[in-house]
Amino acid sequence: MPIPPKCQWLMLLILGTVAASSCLAAQAEPLVLSFEEAQQRLLAVSDALEGSRSQVENRRQLAEASRSLAYPEVSVDVRRLRFQKSLELPLGSLEPVAEAFGIPDPLEFELADWRTRPIVTATMPVWTGGQISAAKAAADAAVAEADAVLMRATQTETVQLVEAYFGQQVAQQVLAVRLEVREGLQQHLAHAQKLEREGFATRAQVLQAQVALDNAEREYRKSMNDLRGAEAALAGLLRSDTPVQARSPLFVVQAPLEPVEHFVETALRDHPGLSQLKAIGEQARQKVRAEQANWQPRVYLFGQYDLKREDALLTESDWAFGIGVSYTLFSNKDRSRQVSAARSQQLQAEYSLRDTATKLEIGVARAWLATDSARQQFALLDSALASAGENLRLQSLSFQEGQATSLDVIDARLQLGKTRIDRALAAWQFDLALVQLLEVSGQTDRYSDYLRKADKVLTP
């Protein structure tokens, strides 16, 4: 039996609506990523890292280009010229004969013509006073500088990822606690209202419970907005059109960290900021060598070949080769001041390197203390959490028996929630302080190692 046209349109509309709803549901489904997966995604999509990689490629291409500075250079010079040449040829001993035949002395010739002069010239440097080797070394140092900039950008992006990734986790933890506190206060309000009806609780106690519940509702809604902001930050950082769900929980490594001396030694050896300054210093040193080379003579081999000998002028050779020496007697660039300026730049790089190394030692010590403090704070909150839970249980029983006030139960409930939030914040502070310690010591690539050996994790 055929389907009426109106029914057909209705069915198509329903199917289209279902398909659209399914598509929207699929688009809204969150992208669940572990920290390692999020880190790999960040390394692939970060515009800052792509910019640094482009700079590295640029420096590498320039370094490869500098390899050919010692190779021969071949050029073709083609000129189309109009010229005139006048010559006088004295007859000398032939003068009497010339007079007998009426030939003037001296003979005068004049030639005017168009000529094409294609000439191939090859030159090859033999000695440049160290300028070529300095250029090659400076190009290699520029590559090292770009690599250090890329590594530094990678570490900065990792720190931002930890802030966003575990920031979302702590926001989820806080929201879960706020929800539990709200539900607990809802139950407490219901009990207070029941006891009021039975004559065992006052109206004031019910109002106290209501005010506490309202406050808990406000905190819960604020936590929801905080979580949405954290989710937006993480999704934006990872360039995701859908929400990103962090799978790796907040964590704490309760074992003591390596000694601060270990991190200081690693920082002075591996920190990309120091590597960058060392590369800048090397470029400045090679700049001094290049400027000093301007005082040296240049020795070179050369060869020349005339591709159209029939148009050659009288003074031009068919081919030639040999060796040449060039020396600049006077330069308008003030070579002495150029050398002094390059040396000042080298000193500036050396002083910056020393200053940065000193600041790194201070930064490592402060970051190490912050990480260790967060670790200890988290451990100390375990007993506080157990005590707050037991206190809430006792106060709730006492209130039901008329031996405690509504305010006592509210305070106990809020104290338990505060302790749980403080514990989550301590874990987050540990995670953040740890990545900052690893950044300042130049080893953020070890962050996942600490995550894998964590002995305390917090899940919502």
Protein backbone atom coordinates (compact mmCIF):
# COMPACT_ATOMS: atom_id res chain seq x y z
CA MET A 1 0.00 0.00 0.00
CA PRO A 2 1.65 3.29 -1.05
CA ILE A 3 2.39 5.91 1.58
CA PRO A 4 0.48 9.17 1.05
CA PRO A 5 2.67 12.19 0.10
CA LYS A 6 1.85 14.02 3.34
CA CYS A 7 2.97 11.00 5.36
CA GLN A 8 6.13 10.75 3.31
CA TRP A 9 7.05 14.35 4.14
CA LEU A 10 6.26 13.70 7.79
CA MET A 11 8.48 10.63 7.87
CA LEU A 12 11.33 12.51 6.18
CA LEU A 13 10.98 15.32 8.72
CA ILE A 14 11.10 12.87 11.61
CA LEU A 15 14.10 11.03 10.18
CA GLY A 16 15.90 14.33 9.56
CA THR A 17 15.21 15.46 13.10
CA VAL A 18 16.50 12.18 14.52
CA ALA A 19 19.61 12.35 12.34
CA ALA A 20 20.29 15.96 13.37
CA SER A 21 19.80 15.07 17.03
CA SER A 22 22.20 12.15 16.68
CA CYS A 23 24.76 14.38 15.00
CA LEU A 24 24.52 17.00 17.73
CA ALA A 25 24.82 14.32 20.39
CA ALA A 26 27.90 12.95 18.70
CA GLN A 27 29.42 16.43 18.46
CA ALA A 28 28.73 17.16 22.13
CA GLU A 29 30.36 13.93 23.29
CA PRO A 30 33.53 14.88 25.20
CA LEU A 31 37.01 13.92 24.09
CA VAL A 32 38.49 11.82 26.90
CA LEU A 33 42.28 12.15 27.10
CA SER A 34 44.94 11.05 29.52
CA PHE A 35 47.64 13.59 30.34
CA GLU A 36 50.11 11.94 27.96
CA GLU A 37 47.53 11.97 25.16
CA ALA A 38 46.70 15.60 25.84
CA GLN A 39 50.40 16.45 25.79
CA GLN A 40 50.89 14.73 22.43
CA ARG A 41 47.89 16.58 21.02
CA LEU A 42 49.20 19.89 22.32
CA LEU A 43 52.59 19.31 20.69
CA ALA A 44 50.80 18.67 17.39
CA VAL A 45 48.35 21.60 17.40
CA SER A 46 50.19 24.39 19.23
CA ASP A 47 50.72 27.43 17.00
CA ALA A 48 53.55 28.63 19.25
CA LEU A 49 55.44 25.39 18.73
CA GLU A 50 54.79 25.45 14.99
CA GLY A 51 56.29 28.93 14.88
CA SER A 52 59.37 27.75 16.78
CA ARG A 53 59.72 24.73 14.47
CA SER A 54 59.60 27.05 11.47
CA GLN A 55 62.37 29.11 12.99
CA VAL A 56 64.47 25.98 13.52
CA GLU A 57 63.95 24.98 9.88
CA ASN A 58 64.90 28.49 8.77
CA ARG A 59 68.16 28.38 10.74
CA ARG A 60 68.99 24.90 9.48
CA GLN A 61 68.52 25.95 5.88
CA LEU A 62 70.79 28.95 6.47
CA ALA A 63 73.39 26.68 8.10
CA GLU A 64 73.28 24.36 5.08
CA ALA A 65 73.67 27.37 2.81
CA SER A 66 76.81 28.43 4.68
CA ARG A 67 78.48 25.10 3.81
CA SER A 68 78.98 26.29 0.21
CA LEU A 69 80.84 29.49 1.11
CA ALA A 70 84.20 27.82 0.30
CA TYR A 71 83.00 26.49 -3.06
CA PRO A 72 83.91 28.15 -6.38
CA GLU A 73 81.61 30.87 -7.64
CA VAL A 74 80.94 30.89 -11.38
CA SER A 75 79.29 33.83 -13.11
CA VAL A 76 78.51 34.83 -16.69
CA ASP A 77 78.81 38.46 -17.69
CA VAL A 78 77.19 39.37 -21.01
CA ARG A 79 77.52 42.94 -22.30
CA ARG A 80 76.29 44.47 -25.49
CA LEU A 81 78.37 47.60 -26.03
CA ARG A 82 79.02 50.35 -28.51
CA PHE A 83 82.62 51.58 -28.48
CA GLN A 84 85.12 53.73 -30.37
CA LYS A 85 88.87 53.20 -30.46
CA SER A 86 91.45 55.65 -31.89
CA LEU A 87 95.04 54.52 -32.54
CA GLU A 88 98.21 56.32 -33.67
CA LEU A 89 100.98 54.19 -35.23
CA PRO A 90 104.34 55.99 -35.71
CA LEU A 91 106.26 54.78 -38.78
CA GLY A 92 109.74 55.31 -37.35
CA SER A 93 112.43 54.21 -39.82
CA LEU A 94 109.78 53.82 -42.52
CA GLU A 95 109.09 57.53 -42.52
CA PRO A 96 111.15 58.29 -45.71
CA VAL A 97 109.37 55.54 -47.62
CA ALA A 98 106.04 56.75 -46.34
CA GLU A 99 106.79 60.30 -47.48
CA ALA A 100 107.64 58.98 -50.95
CA PHE A 101 104.22 57.40 -51.20
CA GLY A 102 102.38 60.21 -49.50
CA ILE A 103 101.59 58.24 -46.35
CA PRO A 104 101.18 60.42 -43.24
CA ASP A 105 103.24 59.83 -40.16
CA PRO A 106 101.94 58.69 -37.73
CA LEU A 107 99.20 56.50 -39.09
CA GLU A 108 95.86 57.19 -37.47
CA PHE A 109 93.09 54.60 -37.12
CA GLU A 110 89.62 54.99 -35.74
CA LEU A 111 87.22 52.11 -35.09
CA ALA A 112 83.58 52.40 -34.00
CA ASP A 113 81.46 49.27 -33.69
CA TRP A 114 78.88 47.21 -31.72
CA ARG A 115 80.24 44.17 -29.86
CA THR A 116 78.81 41.40 -27.68
CA ARG A 117 81.07 40.36 -24.78
CA PRO A 118 79.99 37.07 -23.04
CA ILE A 119 82.64 36.12 -20.45
CA VAL A 120 82.57 33.27 -17.91
CA THR A 121 84.43 33.98 -14.68
CA ALA A 122 85.14 31.55 -11.82
CA THR A 123 86.59 32.51 -8.45
CA MET A 124 87.34 30.33 -5.45
CA PRO A 125 88.42 31.62 -2.04
CA VAL A 126 91.65 30.19 -0.69
CA TRP A 127 92.22 32.36 2.38
CA THR A 128 89.70 34.74 3.93
CA GLY A 129 91.31 35.31 7.31
CA GLY A 130 88.82 32.98 9.02
CA GLN A 131 85.68 34.74 7.82
CA ILE A 132 84.18 31.66 6.15
CA SER A 133 84.81 29.36 9.11
CA ALA A 134 83.35 32.02 11.43
CA ALA A 135 80.22 32.27 9.27
CA LYS A 136 79.75 28.48 9.36
CA ALA A 137 80.22 28.32 13.13
CA ALA A 138 77.82 31.23 13.65
CA ALA A 139 75.20 29.49 11.48
CA ASP A 140 75.53 26.30 13.56
CA ALA A 141 75.18 28.34 16.74
CA ALA A 142 72.04 29.96 15.32
CA VAL A 143 70.57 26.47 14.82
CA ALA A 144 71.41 25.62 18.43
CA GLU A 145 69.71 28.84 19.56
CA ALA A 146 66.54 27.98 17.59
CA ASP A 147 66.53 24.46 19.06
CA ALA A 148 66.77 25.95 22.55
CA VAL A 149 63.91 28.36 21.79
CA LEU A 150 61.80 25.42 20.60
CA MET A 151 62.60 23.44 23.75
CA ARG A 152 61.77 26.42 25.92
CA ALA A 153 58.46 26.92 24.10
CA THR A 154 57.69 23.21 24.58
CA GLN A 155 58.29 23.50 28.31
CA THR A 156 56.13 26.63 28.54
CA GLU A 157 53.30 24.87 26.69
CA THR A 158 53.64 21.89 29.06
CA VAL A 159 53.26 24.16 32.08
CA GLN A 160 50.14 25.71 30.55
CA LEU A 161 48.77 22.23 29.86
CA VAL A 162 49.29 21.16 33.48
CA GLU A 163 47.53 24.30 34.69
CA ALA A 164 44.56 23.73 32.36
CA TYR A 165 44.40 19.92 32.58
CA PHE A 166 44.65 19.53 36.33
CA GLY A 167 42.85 22.85 36.81
CA GLN A 168 39.85 21.14 35.27
CA GLN A 169 40.35 18.20 37.61
CA VAL A 170 40.44 20.35 40.71
CA ALA A 171 37.33 22.18 39.48
CA GLN A 172 35.58 18.81 39.19
CA GLN A 173 36.75 17.90 42.68
CA VAL A 174 35.42 21.16 44.12
CA LEU A 175 32.12 20.73 42.29
CA ALA A 176 31.73 17.19 43.63
CA VAL A 177 32.37 18.43 47.18
CA ARG A 178 29.97 21.36 46.77
CA LEU A 179 27.32 18.95 45.49
CA GLU A 180 27.83 16.61 48.42
CA VAL A 181 27.69 19.50 50.90
CA ARG A 182 24.49 20.77 49.29
CA GLU A 183 22.88 17.33 49.38
CA GLY A 184 23.99 16.86 52.98
CA LEU A 185 22.50 20.20 54.00
CA GLN A 186 19.30 19.34 52.15
CA GLN A 187 19.04 16.18 54.26
CA HIS A 188 19.86 18.17 57.38
CA LEU A 189 17.15 20.72 56.57
CA ALA A 190 14.63 17.92 56.06
CA HIS A 191 15.60 16.41 59.44
CA ALA A 192 15.36 19.82 61.13
CA GLN A 193 11.94 20.43 59.65
CA LYS A 194 10.80 16.99 60.79
CA LEU A 195 12.11 17.59 64.32
CA GLU A 196 10.43 21.02 64.32
CA ARG A 197 7.08 19.39 63.53
CA GLU A 198 7.65 16.91 66.33
CA GLY A 199 8.60 19.72 68.72
CA PHE A 200 12.26 18.73 69.14
CA ALA A 201 13.79 21.60 67.11
CA THR A 202 13.23 25.34 67.11
CA ARG A 203 12.31 27.55 64.22
CA ALA A 204 15.70 29.25 64.51
CA GLN A 205 17.46 25.95 63.93
CA VAL A 206 15.41 25.35 60.79
CA LEU A 207 16.26 28.83 59.54
CA GLN A 208 19.93 28.20 60.20
CA ALA A 209 19.75 25.06 58.10
CA GLN A 210 17.93 26.95 55.33
CA VAL A 211 20.53 29.74 55.26
CA ALA A 212 23.35 27.20 55.15
CA LEU A 213 21.64 25.38 52.28
CA ASP A 214 21.22 28.63 50.34
CA ASN A 215 24.90 29.41 50.80
CA ALA A 216 25.80 25.91 49.66
CA GLU A 217 23.60 26.37 46.58
CA ARG A 218 25.45 29.57 45.68
CA GLU A 219 28.82 27.86 46.11
CA TYR A 220 27.63 24.94 44.01
CA ARG A 221 26.51 27.17 41.14
CA LYS A 222 29.78 29.09 41.30
CA SER A 223 31.69 25.80 41.13
CA MET A 224 29.68 24.81 38.05
CA ASN A 225 30.71 28.01 36.30
CA ASP A 226 34.33 27.52 37.39
CA LEU A 227 34.25 24.03 35.87
CA ARG A 228 32.81 25.33 32.61
CA GLY A 229 35.59 27.92 32.46
CA ALA A 230 38.23 25.25 33.12
CA GLU A 231 36.73 23.02 30.43
CA ALA A 232 36.74 25.90 27.94
CA ALA A 233 40.38 26.68 28.78
CA LEU A 234 41.50 23.08 28.24
CA ALA A 235 39.50 22.65 25.03
CA GLY A 236 40.86 25.92 23.67
CA LEU A 237 44.44 25.02 24.52
CA LEU A 238 44.07 21.69 22.72
CA ARG A 239 42.18 23.27 19.78
CA SER A 240 39.21 20.96 20.33
CA ASP A 241 35.72 21.79 19.07
CA THR A 242 34.23 19.43 21.66
CA PRO A 243 34.73 19.41 25.44
CA VAL A 244 37.84 17.63 26.68
CA GLN A 245 37.47 15.29 29.65
CA ALA A 246 40.66 14.82 31.66
CA ARG A 247 41.18 11.14 32.50
CA SER A 248 44.37 11.37 34.56
CA PRO A 249 43.42 12.35 38.14
CA LEU A 250 45.08 14.78 40.51
CA PHE A 251 48.10 13.05 42.00
CA VAL A 252 50.73 13.35 44.69
CA VAL A 253 54.05 11.55 45.02
CA GLN A 254 54.44 11.12 48.76
CA ALA A 255 58.03 9.91 48.56
CA PRO A 256 60.54 12.74 49.12
CA LEU A 257 61.83 14.44 45.99
CA GLU A 258 65.40 14.16 44.79
CA PRO A 259 67.74 16.57 46.62
CA VAL A 260 67.61 20.17 45.48
CA GLU A 261 71.24 19.87 44.35
CA HIS A 262 70.14 17.33 41.74
CA PHE A 263 67.69 19.81 40.22
CA VAL A 264 70.24 22.64 40.35
CA GLU A 265 72.81 20.52 38.54
CA THR A 266 70.26 19.52 35.91
CA ALA A 267 69.18 23.13 35.43
CA LEU A 268 72.73 24.36 34.88
CA ARG A 269 73.27 21.56 32.37
CA ASP A 270 69.98 21.24 30.49
CA HIS A 271 67.89 24.39 30.88
CA PRO A 272 67.02 25.69 27.39
CA GLY A 273 67.40 29.29 28.53
CA LEU A 274 71.07 28.69 29.28
CA SER A 275 71.49 26.76 26.03
CA GLN A 276 69.99 29.69 24.17
CA LEU A 277 72.34 32.19 25.83
CA LYS A 278 75.34 29.93 25.16
CA ALA A 279 74.38 29.81 21.49
CA ILE A 280 73.99 33.60 21.40
CA GLY A 281 77.42 33.93 23.03
CA GLU A 282 78.94 31.62 20.41
CA GLN A 283 77.41 33.70 17.63
CA ALA A 284 78.90 36.83 19.20
CA ARG A 285 82.32 35.15 19.42
CA GLN A 286 82.18 34.22 15.76
CA LYS A 287 81.11 37.78 14.98
CA VAL A 288 84.37 38.98 16.57
CA ARG A 289 86.32 36.54 14.39
CA ALA A 290 84.50 37.72 11.27
CA GLU A 291 85.20 41.38 12.04
CA GLN A 292 88.86 40.65 12.75
CA ALA A 293 89.05 38.85 9.40
CA ASN A 294 88.34 42.17 7.67
CA TRP A 295 91.91 43.18 8.56
CA GLN A 296 93.33 40.15 6.74
CA PRO A 297 94.16 39.87 3.04
CA ARG A 298 92.01 37.69 0.78
CA VAL A 299 93.63 35.08 -1.42
CA TYR A 300 91.63 33.55 -4.23
CA LEU A 301 91.94 31.52 -7.42
CA PHE A 302 90.32 32.79 -10.57
CA GLY A 303 89.66 31.74 -14.13
CA GLN A 304 88.10 33.52 -17.12
CA TYR A 305 87.00 32.41 -20.55
CA ASP A 306 85.79 34.45 -23.52
CA LEU A 307 82.78 32.82 -25.21
CA LYS A 308 82.97 35.05 -28.33
CA ARG A 309 86.55 35.70 -29.24
CA GLU A 310 85.79 37.32 -32.59
CA ASP A 311 84.30 40.29 -30.75
CA ALA A 312 87.19 40.56 -28.30
CA LEU A 313 88.94 43.89 -27.93
CA LEU A 314 92.65 44.19 -28.51
CA THR A 315 93.44 44.29 -24.79
CA GLU A 316 91.26 41.30 -23.84
CA SER A 317 92.50 37.73 -23.55
CA ASP A 318 90.78 34.61 -24.87
CA TRP A 319 91.18 32.92 -21.47
CA ALA A 320 93.08 33.43 -18.26
CA PHE A 321 93.57 31.83 -14.86
CA GLY A 322 95.72 32.50 -11.83
CA ILE A 323 95.80 33.52 -8.21
CA GLY A 324 94.91 36.87 -6.73
CA VAL A 325 95.42 38.73 -3.47
CA SER A 326 93.10 41.46 -2.26
CA TYR A 327 93.58 43.74 0.72
CA THR A 328 91.50 46.72 1.79
CA LEU A 329 93.84 49.56 2.71
CA PHE A 330 91.10 51.86 3.92
CA SER A 331 87.51 50.98 4.78
CA ASN A 332 84.64 53.37 5.43
CA LYS A 333 83.20 50.88 7.95
CA ASP A 334 85.77 51.71 10.68
CA ARG A 335 86.96 48.14 11.20
CA SER A 336 88.38 48.82 14.67
CA ARG A 337 85.06 49.97 16.04
CA GLN A 338 83.30 47.04 14.39
CA VAL A 339 85.59 44.64 16.28
CA SER A 340 85.03 46.54 19.55
CA ALA A 341 81.26 46.43 19.07
CA ALA A 342 81.37 42.68 18.45
CA ARG A 343 83.44 42.13 21.59
CA SER A 344 80.96 44.16 23.64
CA GLN A 345 78.16 41.97 22.31
CA GLN A 346 80.11 38.89 23.35
CA LEU A 347 80.61 40.26 26.86
CA GLN A 348 76.92 41.06 27.11
CA ALA A 349 76.06 37.44 26.29
CA GLU A 350 78.55 36.15 28.87
CA TYR A 351 77.17 38.39 31.62
CA SER A 352 73.60 37.41 30.73
CA LEU A 353 74.59 33.75 30.95
CA ARG A 354 76.07 34.20 34.44
CA ASP A 355 73.08 36.21 35.64
CA THR A 356 70.61 33.65 34.31
CA ALA A 357 72.52 30.77 35.90
CA THR A 358 72.40 32.52 39.29
CA LYS A 359 68.67 33.22 38.97
CA LEU A 360 68.05 29.61 37.93
CA GLU A 361 69.71 28.33 41.11
CA ILE A 362 67.43 30.59 43.16
CA GLY A 363 64.38 29.60 41.13
CA VAL A 364 65.12 25.89 41.50
CA ALA A 365 65.47 26.21 45.28
CA ARG A 366 62.17 28.09 45.60
CA ALA A 367 60.31 25.68 43.29
CA TRP A 368 61.71 22.68 45.15
CA LEU A 369 60.54 24.08 48.50
CA ALA A 370 57.08 24.86 47.07
CA THR A 371 56.73 21.32 45.74
CA ASP A 372 57.91 19.72 48.97
CA SER A 373 55.62 21.98 50.99
CA ALA A 374 52.59 20.96 48.90
CA ARG A 375 53.53 17.31 49.34
CA GLN A 376 53.71 17.67 53.12
CA GLN A 377 50.49 19.70 53.28
CA PHE A 378 48.64 16.99 51.41
CA ALA A 379 49.95 14.30 53.78
CA LEU A 380 48.94 16.31 56.85
CA LEU A 381 45.38 16.70 55.57
CA ASP A 382 44.74 12.94 55.72
CA SER A 383 44.24 13.01 59.50
CA ALA A 384 42.19 16.21 59.26
CA LEU A 385 39.92 14.57 56.69
CA ALA A 386 39.34 11.52 58.92
CA SER A 387 38.67 13.75 61.92
CA ALA A 388 36.21 15.95 60.00
CA GLY A 389 34.31 12.90 58.77
CA GLU A 390 34.03 11.42 62.23
CA ASN A 391 32.98 14.78 63.69
CA LEU A 392 30.16 15.09 61.16
CA ARG A 393 28.93 11.61 61.98
CA LEU A 394 28.89 12.34 65.71
CA GLN A 395 27.25 15.76 65.36
CA SER A 396 24.52 14.33 63.11
CA LEU A 397 23.70 11.60 65.65
CA SER A 398 23.78 14.10 68.52
CA PHE A 399 21.42 16.45 66.68
CA GLN A 400 18.93 13.66 66.05
CA GLU A 401 19.04 12.89 69.78
CA GLY A 402 18.67 16.54 70.75
CA GLN A 403 22.19 16.80 72.19
CA ALA A 404 23.62 19.09 69.47
CA THR A 405 22.34 22.17 67.69
CA SER A 406 21.65 22.58 64.00
CA LEU A 407 24.59 24.95 63.83
CA ASP A 408 26.91 22.22 65.11
CA VAL A 409 25.86 19.92 62.27
CA ILE A 410 26.20 22.69 59.70
CA ASP A 411 29.68 23.59 60.92
CA ALA A 412 30.72 19.93 60.83
CA ARG A 413 29.34 19.51 57.32
CA LEU A 414 31.09 22.65 56.07
CA GLN A 415 34.34 21.70 57.80
CA LEU A 416 34.35 18.33 56.08
CA GLY A 417 33.72 19.98 52.72
CA LYS A 418 36.45 22.55 53.36
CA THR A 419 38.94 19.83 54.30
CA ARG A 420 38.17 17.87 51.16
CA ILE A 421 38.59 20.99 49.03
CA ASP A 422 41.82 21.89 50.82
CA ARG A 423 43.09 18.39 50.09
CA ALA A 424 42.23 18.69 46.40
CA LEU A 425 43.87 22.12 46.26
CA ALA A 426 46.99 20.75 47.95
CA ALA A 427 47.20 18.01 45.31
CA TRP A 428 46.75 20.59 42.56
CA GLN A 429 49.39 22.82 44.12
CA PHE A 430 51.74 19.83 44.16
CA ASP A 431 51.06 19.07 40.49
CA LEU A 432 51.58 22.70 39.51
CA ALA A 433 54.65 23.22 41.70
CA LEU A 434 56.15 20.01 40.34
CA VAL A 435 55.88 21.09 36.70
CA GLN A 436 57.29 24.51 37.61
CA LEU A 437 60.22 22.80 39.32
CA LEU A 438 60.77 20.63 36.26
CA GLU A 439 60.52 23.66 33.98
CA VAL A 440 63.08 25.70 35.87
CA SER A 441 65.41 22.70 35.93
CA GLY A 442 64.91 22.01 32.22
CA GLN A 443 63.22 18.61 32.43
CA THR A 444 59.46 18.94 31.92
CA ASP A 445 59.66 15.78 29.81
CA ARG A 446 59.93 13.88 33.12
CA TYR A 447 56.50 15.02 34.32
CA SER A 448 54.80 11.87 33.05
CA ASP A 449 57.34 9.77 34.98
CA TYR A 450 56.18 11.35 38.25
CA LEU A 451 52.56 10.89 37.21
CA ARG A 452 53.11 7.17 36.63
CA LYS A 453 54.74 6.63 40.03
CA ALA A 454 52.16 8.64 41.99
CA ASP A 455 51.01 6.86 45.17
CA LYS A 456 48.05 9.17 45.90
CA VAL A 457 45.36 10.06 43.35
CA LEU A 458 42.14 12.00 43.79
CA THR A 459 39.11 11.27 41.68
CA PRO A 460 35.82 13.20 41.84
